[in-house]
Structures are given as structure tokens and as C-alpha cells.
N, C-alpha and C. Protein backbone atom coordinates (compact mmCIF):
# COMPACT_ATOMS: atom_id res chain seq x y z
N MET A 1 1.19 -22.16 -1.17
CA MET A 1 2.56 -22.09 -1.61
C MET A 1 2.66 -22.27 -3.12
N TRP A 2 1.87 -23.16 -3.68
CA TRP A 2 1.90 -23.40 -5.11
C TRP A 2 1.57 -22.12 -5.88
N MET A 3 0.59 -21.36 -5.39
CA MET A 3 0.18 -20.12 -6.06
C MET A 3 1.35 -19.12 -6.10
N VAL A 4 2.06 -18.98 -5.01
CA VAL A 4 3.19 -18.05 -4.96
C VAL A 4 4.29 -18.52 -5.89
N LEU A 5 4.56 -19.83 -5.93
CA LEU A 5 5.59 -20.37 -6.80
C LEU A 5 5.28 -20.06 -8.26
N VAL A 6 4.08 -20.31 -8.68
CA VAL A 6 3.68 -20.03 -10.06
C VAL A 6 3.74 -18.54 -10.34
N ALA A 7 3.24 -17.75 -9.42
CA ALA A 7 3.22 -16.30 -9.62
C ALA A 7 4.63 -15.74 -9.72
N ALA A 8 5.50 -16.17 -8.84
CA ALA A 8 6.86 -15.65 -8.86
C ALA A 8 7.57 -16.04 -10.14
N ALA A 9 7.30 -17.22 -10.62
CA ALA A 9 7.93 -17.68 -11.85
C ALA A 9 7.47 -16.86 -13.06
N TRP A 10 6.28 -16.30 -13.01
CA TRP A 10 5.74 -15.56 -14.15
C TRP A 10 5.89 -14.06 -14.03
N ALA A 11 6.56 -13.57 -13.01
CA ALA A 11 6.77 -12.13 -12.87
C ALA A 11 7.67 -11.63 -13.99
N ALA A 12 7.41 -10.42 -14.45
CA ALA A 12 8.22 -9.82 -15.52
C ALA A 12 9.54 -9.33 -14.95
N ASP A 13 10.49 -9.07 -15.85
CA ASP A 13 11.75 -8.47 -15.41
C ASP A 13 11.48 -7.07 -14.88
N PRO A 14 12.28 -6.63 -13.92
CA PRO A 14 12.06 -5.28 -13.39
C PRO A 14 12.43 -4.20 -14.41
N THR A 15 11.75 -3.07 -14.30
CA THR A 15 12.12 -1.87 -15.05
C THR A 15 13.07 -1.09 -14.16
N ILE A 16 14.25 -0.75 -14.67
CA ILE A 16 15.24 -0.06 -13.86
C ILE A 16 15.60 1.25 -14.54
N THR A 17 15.51 2.35 -13.77
CA THR A 17 15.82 3.68 -14.29
C THR A 17 16.74 4.41 -13.32
N VAL A 18 17.29 5.50 -13.78
CA VAL A 18 18.09 6.38 -12.93
C VAL A 18 17.29 7.66 -12.73
N ALA A 19 16.99 7.99 -11.48
CA ALA A 19 16.22 9.19 -11.16
C ALA A 19 17.12 10.42 -11.28
N ASP A 20 16.50 11.60 -11.30
CA ASP A 20 17.25 12.85 -11.41
C ASP A 20 18.28 13.03 -10.30
N ASP A 21 17.99 12.48 -9.11
CA ASP A 21 18.93 12.64 -7.99
C ASP A 21 20.04 11.58 -7.99
N GLY A 22 20.06 10.72 -9.02
CA GLY A 22 21.07 9.68 -9.12
C GLY A 22 20.66 8.35 -8.51
N SER A 23 19.49 8.30 -7.89
CA SER A 23 19.01 7.04 -7.32
C SER A 23 18.72 6.04 -8.43
N ILE A 24 18.95 4.79 -8.13
CA ILE A 24 18.56 3.70 -9.02
C ILE A 24 17.19 3.24 -8.55
N VAL A 25 16.22 3.22 -9.48
CA VAL A 25 14.85 2.88 -9.14
C VAL A 25 14.42 1.68 -9.97
N ALA A 26 14.04 0.61 -9.29
CA ALA A 26 13.56 -0.60 -9.96
C ALA A 26 12.11 -0.82 -9.59
N ARG A 27 11.32 -1.19 -10.59
CA ARG A 27 9.89 -1.46 -10.36
C ARG A 27 9.53 -2.80 -11.00
N ILE A 28 8.69 -3.54 -10.29
CA ILE A 28 8.20 -4.81 -10.81
C ILE A 28 6.85 -5.11 -10.19
N GLU A 29 5.98 -5.75 -10.94
CA GLU A 29 4.72 -6.24 -10.40
C GLU A 29 4.88 -7.73 -10.17
N ILE A 30 4.53 -8.15 -8.96
CA ILE A 30 4.68 -9.55 -8.58
C ILE A 30 3.31 -10.11 -8.22
N ALA A 31 2.97 -11.22 -8.80
CA ALA A 31 1.70 -11.87 -8.51
C ALA A 31 1.82 -12.64 -7.20
N ALA A 32 1.90 -11.88 -6.14
CA ALA A 32 1.98 -12.42 -4.78
C ALA A 32 1.38 -11.37 -3.85
N PRO A 33 0.76 -11.79 -2.76
CA PRO A 33 0.19 -10.82 -1.83
C PRO A 33 1.27 -9.99 -1.15
N GLU A 34 0.93 -8.77 -0.81
CA GLU A 34 1.86 -7.87 -0.14
C GLU A 34 2.42 -8.51 1.13
N SER A 35 1.60 -9.22 1.87
CA SER A 35 2.06 -9.82 3.13
C SER A 35 3.19 -10.83 2.89
N SER A 36 3.13 -11.59 1.81
CA SER A 36 4.19 -12.55 1.49
C SER A 36 5.48 -11.83 1.14
N ILE A 37 5.37 -10.75 0.38
CA ILE A 37 6.55 -9.98 -0.01
C ILE A 37 7.14 -9.29 1.21
N ARG A 38 6.27 -8.72 2.04
CA ARG A 38 6.73 -8.03 3.26
C ARG A 38 7.46 -9.01 4.19
N ALA A 39 7.06 -10.26 4.22
CA ALA A 39 7.72 -11.26 5.06
C ALA A 39 9.06 -11.71 4.46
N ALA A 40 9.18 -11.68 3.13
CA ALA A 40 10.38 -12.19 2.46
C ALA A 40 11.54 -11.19 2.47
N ILE A 41 11.25 -9.90 2.40
CA ILE A 41 12.30 -8.89 2.25
C ILE A 41 13.29 -8.87 3.43
N PRO A 42 12.85 -8.89 4.69
CA PRO A 42 13.83 -8.90 5.79
C PRO A 42 14.74 -10.13 5.76
N GLU A 43 14.21 -11.27 5.40
CA GLU A 43 15.03 -12.48 5.31
C GLU A 43 16.05 -12.35 4.19
N LEU A 44 15.66 -11.71 3.12
CA LEU A 44 16.56 -11.45 2.00
C LEU A 44 17.72 -10.56 2.44
N GLN A 45 17.44 -9.55 3.25
CA GLN A 45 18.47 -8.64 3.75
C GLN A 45 19.50 -9.40 4.58
N LYS A 46 19.04 -10.32 5.40
CA LYS A 46 19.93 -11.07 6.28
C LYS A 46 20.77 -12.09 5.51
N ALA A 47 20.23 -12.56 4.39
CA ALA A 47 20.91 -13.61 3.62
C ALA A 47 21.95 -13.05 2.66
N GLY A 48 21.90 -11.76 2.38
CA GLY A 48 22.77 -11.20 1.34
C GLY A 48 21.97 -11.16 0.06
N MET A 49 21.73 -9.98 -0.43
CA MET A 49 20.73 -9.78 -1.48
C MET A 49 21.22 -10.11 -2.87
N ASN A 50 22.52 -9.96 -3.12
CA ASN A 50 23.02 -10.13 -4.48
C ASN A 50 24.50 -10.48 -4.44
N SER A 51 25.09 -10.70 -5.61
CA SER A 51 26.48 -11.15 -5.67
C SER A 51 27.48 -10.07 -5.24
N ASN A 52 27.05 -8.82 -5.11
CA ASN A 52 27.93 -7.77 -4.59
C ASN A 52 28.15 -7.92 -3.09
N VAL A 53 27.25 -8.61 -2.41
CA VAL A 53 27.31 -8.75 -0.95
C VAL A 53 28.13 -9.99 -0.61
N LEU A 54 29.25 -9.78 0.05
CA LEU A 54 30.13 -10.89 0.43
C LEU A 54 29.74 -11.51 1.77
N SER A 55 29.29 -10.68 2.72
CA SER A 55 28.86 -11.19 4.02
C SER A 55 27.92 -10.19 4.68
N VAL A 56 27.05 -10.73 5.55
CA VAL A 56 26.11 -9.91 6.31
C VAL A 56 26.02 -10.46 7.72
N THR A 57 26.06 -9.57 8.69
CA THR A 57 25.75 -9.91 10.07
C THR A 57 24.58 -9.05 10.48
N ALA A 58 23.52 -9.70 10.96
CA ALA A 58 22.30 -8.98 11.34
C ALA A 58 22.07 -9.11 12.84
N ARG A 59 21.65 -7.98 13.47
CA ARG A 59 21.30 -7.94 14.89
C ARG A 59 19.99 -7.21 15.05
N PRO A 60 19.06 -7.77 15.82
CA PRO A 60 17.83 -7.03 16.09
C PRO A 60 18.14 -5.75 16.85
N GLU A 61 17.43 -4.70 16.51
CA GLU A 61 17.58 -3.40 17.18
C GLU A 61 16.18 -2.81 17.31
N GLY A 62 15.45 -3.23 18.32
CA GLY A 62 14.05 -2.82 18.46
C GLY A 62 13.25 -3.38 17.30
N ALA A 63 12.46 -2.52 16.65
CA ALA A 63 11.68 -2.95 15.49
C ALA A 63 12.53 -3.06 14.23
N CYS A 64 13.77 -2.61 14.31
CA CYS A 64 14.67 -2.57 13.16
C CYS A 64 15.72 -3.68 13.25
N THR A 65 16.57 -3.74 12.24
CA THR A 65 17.68 -4.68 12.21
C THR A 65 18.94 -3.91 11.85
N ALA A 66 19.99 -4.08 12.65
CA ALA A 66 21.30 -3.50 12.33
C ALA A 66 22.01 -4.50 11.43
N LEU A 67 22.52 -4.03 10.30
CA LEU A 67 23.20 -4.89 9.35
C LEU A 67 24.64 -4.43 9.17
N ASP A 68 25.59 -5.32 9.40
CA ASP A 68 26.99 -5.09 9.07
C ASP A 68 27.24 -5.87 7.79
N ARG A 69 27.58 -5.15 6.73
CA ARG A 69 27.67 -5.76 5.41
C ARG A 69 29.06 -5.51 4.82
N THR A 70 29.61 -6.53 4.19
CA THR A 70 30.83 -6.41 3.41
C THR A 70 30.44 -6.63 1.96
N THR A 71 30.81 -5.67 1.10
CA THR A 71 30.43 -5.76 -0.31
C THR A 71 31.67 -5.80 -1.19
N ARG A 72 31.47 -6.24 -2.38
CA ARG A 72 32.54 -6.30 -3.36
C ARG A 72 32.92 -4.89 -3.77
N GLY A 73 34.21 -4.60 -3.77
CA GLY A 73 34.72 -3.32 -4.24
C GLY A 73 35.60 -3.55 -5.45
N LEU A 74 36.01 -2.49 -6.09
CA LEU A 74 36.84 -2.61 -7.28
C LEU A 74 38.22 -3.17 -6.93
N TRP A 75 38.84 -2.67 -5.83
CA TRP A 75 40.17 -3.11 -5.45
C TRP A 75 40.18 -3.93 -4.18
N ARG A 76 39.18 -3.71 -3.32
CA ARG A 76 39.12 -4.42 -2.04
C ARG A 76 37.67 -4.42 -1.57
N PRO A 77 37.32 -5.31 -0.65
CA PRO A 77 35.96 -5.31 -0.10
C PRO A 77 35.66 -4.00 0.63
N LEU A 78 34.40 -3.58 0.57
CA LEU A 78 33.93 -2.36 1.25
C LEU A 78 33.01 -2.77 2.39
N GLN A 79 33.01 -1.96 3.46
CA GLN A 79 32.18 -2.29 4.62
C GLN A 79 31.26 -1.14 4.96
N LEU A 80 30.07 -1.51 5.44
CA LEU A 80 29.13 -0.51 5.91
C LEU A 80 28.21 -1.12 6.97
N ARG A 81 27.73 -0.26 7.82
CA ARG A 81 26.73 -0.62 8.83
C ARG A 81 25.49 0.19 8.51
N THR A 82 24.36 -0.50 8.43
CA THR A 82 23.09 0.17 8.13
C THR A 82 22.04 -0.23 9.16
N ARG A 83 20.96 0.49 9.11
CA ARG A 83 19.79 0.20 9.96
C ARG A 83 18.62 -0.01 9.01
N PHE A 84 18.03 -1.20 9.06
CA PHE A 84 16.94 -1.62 8.18
C PHE A 84 15.66 -1.66 9.01
N CYS A 85 14.66 -0.85 8.61
CA CYS A 85 13.45 -0.71 9.43
C CYS A 85 12.18 -0.85 8.58
N PRO A 86 11.14 -1.42 9.18
CA PRO A 86 9.84 -1.41 8.49
C PRO A 86 9.30 0.02 8.44
N SER A 87 8.54 0.31 7.40
CA SER A 87 7.88 1.62 7.27
C SER A 87 6.44 1.38 6.89
N SER A 88 5.66 2.42 6.84
CA SER A 88 4.25 2.26 6.50
C SER A 88 4.05 1.78 5.06
N THR A 89 5.03 2.05 4.19
CA THR A 89 4.90 1.65 2.79
C THR A 89 5.78 0.46 2.42
N GLY A 90 6.61 -0.02 3.34
CA GLY A 90 7.50 -1.14 3.05
C GLY A 90 8.65 -1.20 4.03
N PHE A 91 9.85 -0.78 3.58
CA PHE A 91 11.04 -0.80 4.42
C PHE A 91 11.96 0.34 4.00
N SER A 92 12.79 0.79 4.95
CA SER A 92 13.84 1.75 4.61
C SER A 92 15.13 1.31 5.28
N GLU A 93 16.23 1.60 4.61
CA GLU A 93 17.54 1.26 5.14
C GLU A 93 18.43 2.48 4.99
N ARG A 94 19.15 2.82 6.05
CA ARG A 94 19.99 4.00 6.05
C ARG A 94 21.37 3.67 6.59
N LEU A 95 22.37 4.37 6.06
CA LEU A 95 23.75 4.22 6.49
C LEU A 95 23.90 4.71 7.93
N VAL A 96 24.57 3.93 8.75
CA VAL A 96 24.89 4.32 10.12
C VAL A 96 26.36 4.67 10.23
N ALA A 97 27.23 3.82 9.66
CA ALA A 97 28.66 4.07 9.74
C ALA A 97 29.39 3.35 8.62
N SER A 98 30.43 4.00 8.10
CA SER A 98 31.28 3.38 7.10
C SER A 98 32.46 4.30 6.80
N GLU A 99 33.60 3.71 6.59
CA GLU A 99 34.74 4.48 6.10
C GLU A 99 34.74 4.51 4.58
N ASP A 100 33.99 3.59 3.97
CA ASP A 100 33.97 3.44 2.51
C ASP A 100 32.80 4.17 1.84
N PHE A 101 31.66 4.18 2.49
CA PHE A 101 30.46 4.80 1.92
C PHE A 101 30.20 6.15 2.59
N THR A 102 29.81 7.13 1.79
CA THR A 102 29.38 8.41 2.33
C THR A 102 27.87 8.50 2.36
N ARG A 103 27.21 7.62 1.60
CA ARG A 103 25.75 7.56 1.58
C ARG A 103 25.31 6.16 1.18
N TYR A 104 24.29 5.67 1.87
CA TYR A 104 23.59 4.46 1.43
C TYR A 104 22.16 4.59 1.92
N GLU A 105 21.24 4.62 0.98
CA GLU A 105 19.81 4.69 1.28
C GLU A 105 19.10 3.69 0.38
N ALA A 106 18.22 2.91 0.96
CA ALA A 106 17.41 1.99 0.18
C ALA A 106 15.99 2.03 0.72
N ASP A 107 15.05 2.17 -0.18
CA ASP A 107 13.63 2.20 0.20
C ASP A 107 12.86 1.20 -0.64
N TRP A 108 12.17 0.31 0.06
CA TRP A 108 11.25 -0.63 -0.57
C TRP A 108 9.84 -0.07 -0.41
N THR A 109 9.12 0.06 -1.52
CA THR A 109 7.73 0.50 -1.47
C THR A 109 6.86 -0.61 -2.05
N LEU A 110 5.91 -1.08 -1.24
CA LEU A 110 5.00 -2.15 -1.65
C LEU A 110 3.60 -1.56 -1.77
N ARG A 111 2.96 -1.82 -2.91
CA ARG A 111 1.60 -1.30 -3.11
C ARG A 111 0.74 -2.39 -3.74
N PRO A 112 -0.30 -2.84 -3.00
CA PRO A 112 -1.19 -3.83 -3.59
C PRO A 112 -1.89 -3.25 -4.82
N ILE A 113 -1.93 -4.02 -5.89
CA ILE A 113 -2.62 -3.58 -7.10
C ILE A 113 -4.00 -4.23 -7.16
N THR A 114 -4.01 -5.53 -7.00
CA THR A 114 -5.25 -6.30 -6.89
C THR A 114 -5.04 -7.29 -5.76
N SER A 115 -6.06 -8.03 -5.43
CA SER A 115 -5.83 -9.05 -4.40
C SER A 115 -4.88 -10.09 -5.00
N GLY A 116 -3.70 -10.19 -4.42
CA GLY A 116 -2.74 -11.18 -4.89
C GLY A 116 -1.67 -10.64 -5.83
N THR A 117 -1.73 -9.37 -6.22
CA THR A 117 -0.69 -8.77 -7.06
C THR A 117 -0.20 -7.50 -6.38
N THR A 118 1.12 -7.34 -6.33
CA THR A 118 1.73 -6.22 -5.61
C THR A 118 2.76 -5.53 -6.49
N SER A 119 2.72 -4.21 -6.49
CA SER A 119 3.74 -3.41 -7.14
C SER A 119 4.88 -3.24 -6.13
N VAL A 120 6.10 -3.54 -6.56
CA VAL A 120 7.27 -3.43 -5.70
C VAL A 120 8.23 -2.44 -6.34
N GLN A 121 8.65 -1.47 -5.56
CA GLN A 121 9.66 -0.52 -6.02
C GLN A 121 10.83 -0.55 -5.04
N LEU A 122 12.03 -0.64 -5.58
CA LEU A 122 13.24 -0.56 -4.78
C LEU A 122 14.06 0.62 -5.29
N ARG A 123 14.29 1.60 -4.42
CA ARG A 123 15.08 2.79 -4.76
C ARG A 123 16.34 2.77 -3.92
N VAL A 124 17.52 2.83 -4.59
CA VAL A 124 18.80 2.77 -3.90
C VAL A 124 19.64 3.96 -4.33
N ARG A 125 20.24 4.60 -3.35
CA ARG A 125 21.19 5.69 -3.63
C ARG A 125 22.41 5.44 -2.78
N SER A 126 23.57 5.36 -3.42
CA SER A 126 24.79 5.16 -2.66
C SER A 126 25.92 5.99 -3.27
N ASP A 127 26.81 6.41 -2.40
CA ASP A 127 28.01 7.12 -2.80
C ASP A 127 29.15 6.55 -1.98
N VAL A 128 30.30 6.43 -2.63
CA VAL A 128 31.46 5.88 -1.93
C VAL A 128 32.54 6.94 -1.75
N ASN A 129 33.36 6.73 -0.76
CA ASN A 129 34.44 7.63 -0.41
C ASN A 129 35.72 7.18 -1.12
N LEU A 130 35.58 6.88 -2.42
CA LEU A 130 36.69 6.35 -3.21
C LEU A 130 36.70 7.04 -4.57
N MET A 131 37.84 7.02 -5.20
CA MET A 131 37.97 7.59 -6.54
C MET A 131 37.47 6.55 -7.56
N VAL A 132 36.16 6.54 -7.75
CA VAL A 132 35.53 5.61 -8.67
C VAL A 132 34.60 6.42 -9.56
N PRO A 133 34.63 6.20 -10.87
CA PRO A 133 33.72 6.93 -11.75
C PRO A 133 32.26 6.66 -11.36
N SER A 134 31.45 7.70 -11.36
CA SER A 134 30.04 7.54 -10.97
C SER A 134 29.33 6.55 -11.89
N SER A 135 29.73 6.49 -13.15
CA SER A 135 29.08 5.55 -14.08
C SER A 135 29.34 4.10 -13.65
N LEU A 136 30.52 3.83 -13.13
CA LEU A 136 30.85 2.49 -12.66
C LEU A 136 30.03 2.13 -11.42
N LEU A 137 29.91 3.07 -10.50
CA LEU A 137 29.10 2.86 -9.30
C LEU A 137 27.64 2.65 -9.68
N GLN A 138 27.16 3.46 -10.63
CA GLN A 138 25.77 3.37 -11.08
C GLN A 138 25.49 2.01 -11.72
N THR A 139 26.39 1.56 -12.57
CA THR A 139 26.21 0.26 -13.23
C THR A 139 26.20 -0.88 -12.21
N GLY A 140 27.12 -0.82 -11.26
CA GLY A 140 27.16 -1.84 -10.22
C GLY A 140 25.90 -1.85 -9.37
N THR A 141 25.39 -0.66 -9.06
CA THR A 141 24.16 -0.56 -8.27
C THR A 141 22.97 -1.11 -9.06
N MET A 142 22.91 -0.79 -10.35
CA MET A 142 21.82 -1.31 -11.19
C MET A 142 21.85 -2.84 -11.23
N ASP A 143 23.03 -3.41 -11.41
CA ASP A 143 23.15 -4.87 -11.43
C ASP A 143 22.73 -5.47 -10.10
N GLY A 144 23.16 -4.85 -9.00
CA GLY A 144 22.80 -5.33 -7.67
C GLY A 144 21.31 -5.27 -7.40
N VAL A 145 20.67 -4.19 -7.84
CA VAL A 145 19.22 -4.03 -7.66
C VAL A 145 18.48 -5.10 -8.46
N ARG A 146 18.92 -5.34 -9.69
CA ARG A 146 18.28 -6.38 -10.52
C ARG A 146 18.42 -7.74 -9.84
N GLU A 147 19.61 -8.07 -9.38
CA GLU A 147 19.84 -9.35 -8.69
C GLU A 147 19.02 -9.45 -7.41
N THR A 148 18.86 -8.35 -6.71
CA THR A 148 18.08 -8.35 -5.48
C THR A 148 16.63 -8.70 -5.76
N LEU A 149 16.05 -8.12 -6.80
CA LEU A 149 14.66 -8.43 -7.14
C LEU A 149 14.54 -9.87 -7.64
N GLN A 150 15.53 -10.37 -8.36
CA GLN A 150 15.51 -11.77 -8.78
C GLN A 150 15.59 -12.69 -7.57
N ALA A 151 16.41 -12.31 -6.57
CA ALA A 151 16.50 -13.10 -5.34
C ALA A 151 15.17 -13.09 -4.59
N LEU A 152 14.48 -11.94 -4.61
CA LEU A 152 13.16 -11.86 -3.98
C LEU A 152 12.20 -12.83 -4.67
N LEU A 153 12.21 -12.85 -5.98
CA LEU A 153 11.33 -13.77 -6.72
C LEU A 153 11.65 -15.23 -6.37
N ARG A 154 12.93 -15.56 -6.30
CA ARG A 154 13.31 -16.94 -5.92
C ARG A 154 12.84 -17.26 -4.51
N ARG A 155 13.00 -16.30 -3.58
CA ARG A 155 12.60 -16.54 -2.19
C ARG A 155 11.08 -16.76 -2.12
N LEU A 156 10.34 -16.00 -2.90
CA LEU A 156 8.88 -16.18 -2.90
C LEU A 156 8.48 -17.52 -3.51
N GLY A 157 9.33 -18.04 -4.38
CA GLY A 157 9.03 -19.31 -5.05
C GLY A 157 9.36 -20.53 -4.25
N ARG A 158 10.04 -20.36 -3.10
CA ARG A 158 10.42 -21.51 -2.29
C ARG A 158 9.23 -22.10 -1.59
């Protein structure tokens, strides 16, 4: 546990970019084994990943988890239901139902670099069914992704 605490504390800030398709892509190298990160991410999803998430209800659904999430909106809270599943490279989350969102996709990719160091990439693409400037949605998503990776580092440090 001490090793993970020290490693998480020394991780660099994530690099965050906007891909050609509008996805927000964050990358960070964490001095922690892939297995520790893989165990922490589902718990992070259930706890609420960042300050944009107001509430989360999680239900097991086979190997996956159904998530009912309420998020902060510009004028009112937004709601969505997603399905969060393990994948061969990490995790994927897809929109199941929402009156507010027309798209929500999140993919976690974990790649061991050395024994004890893992490259983590989080790619998020979301669109809302509201009259909101895309730049505002993009900025909010970038902030949420940054906070999510910071929450992951804190969880690994516990």
C-alpha cells in the first residue's frame, strides 16, 4: 500500500487534448500496477467521478454495471443511464437512455509500461440534447476528465 501511495502522489498531471472527432482524450502515466488501477476504476464510477456528478446509482448487470447518473447542467441537472463494462484493454461505458444526452461514450485504456507503471488513457465523447455551445460542453468535459483522473490518483493513494 505504501508503494501505491507514494507512486500516486508523484504521478504527473494528465495531458488532455481534443481529438478530431470531438472526443476529449486524457493520458497519464501512473506508477501503479495495472491490476490496482483496474480494481479502482469501477469503484470510482460508483462513487461519482468528479464534481459534475451529483448522484450515481449502480446495479450489477452480468459482467457490467448499469449506472443511473445525475450530472450538473447549466440550468438544471441532467440525467443519463449508461452501461459500464470491462474490456480487454480496460473499460467502456455507453449511453443506454437519456432525454438530455444524445451520446455518451467513455473508454478507459490501460497499458502496462514497466512492472509497476501503467499508461492510462480516458477518452470521453458526449453530446447533449440542449442548446448549449459546443465549446462550453467541451470545457466542462475536459474539467470533468481532469477531476476524474485526480480522483483515481486519490483512490489509489488510500
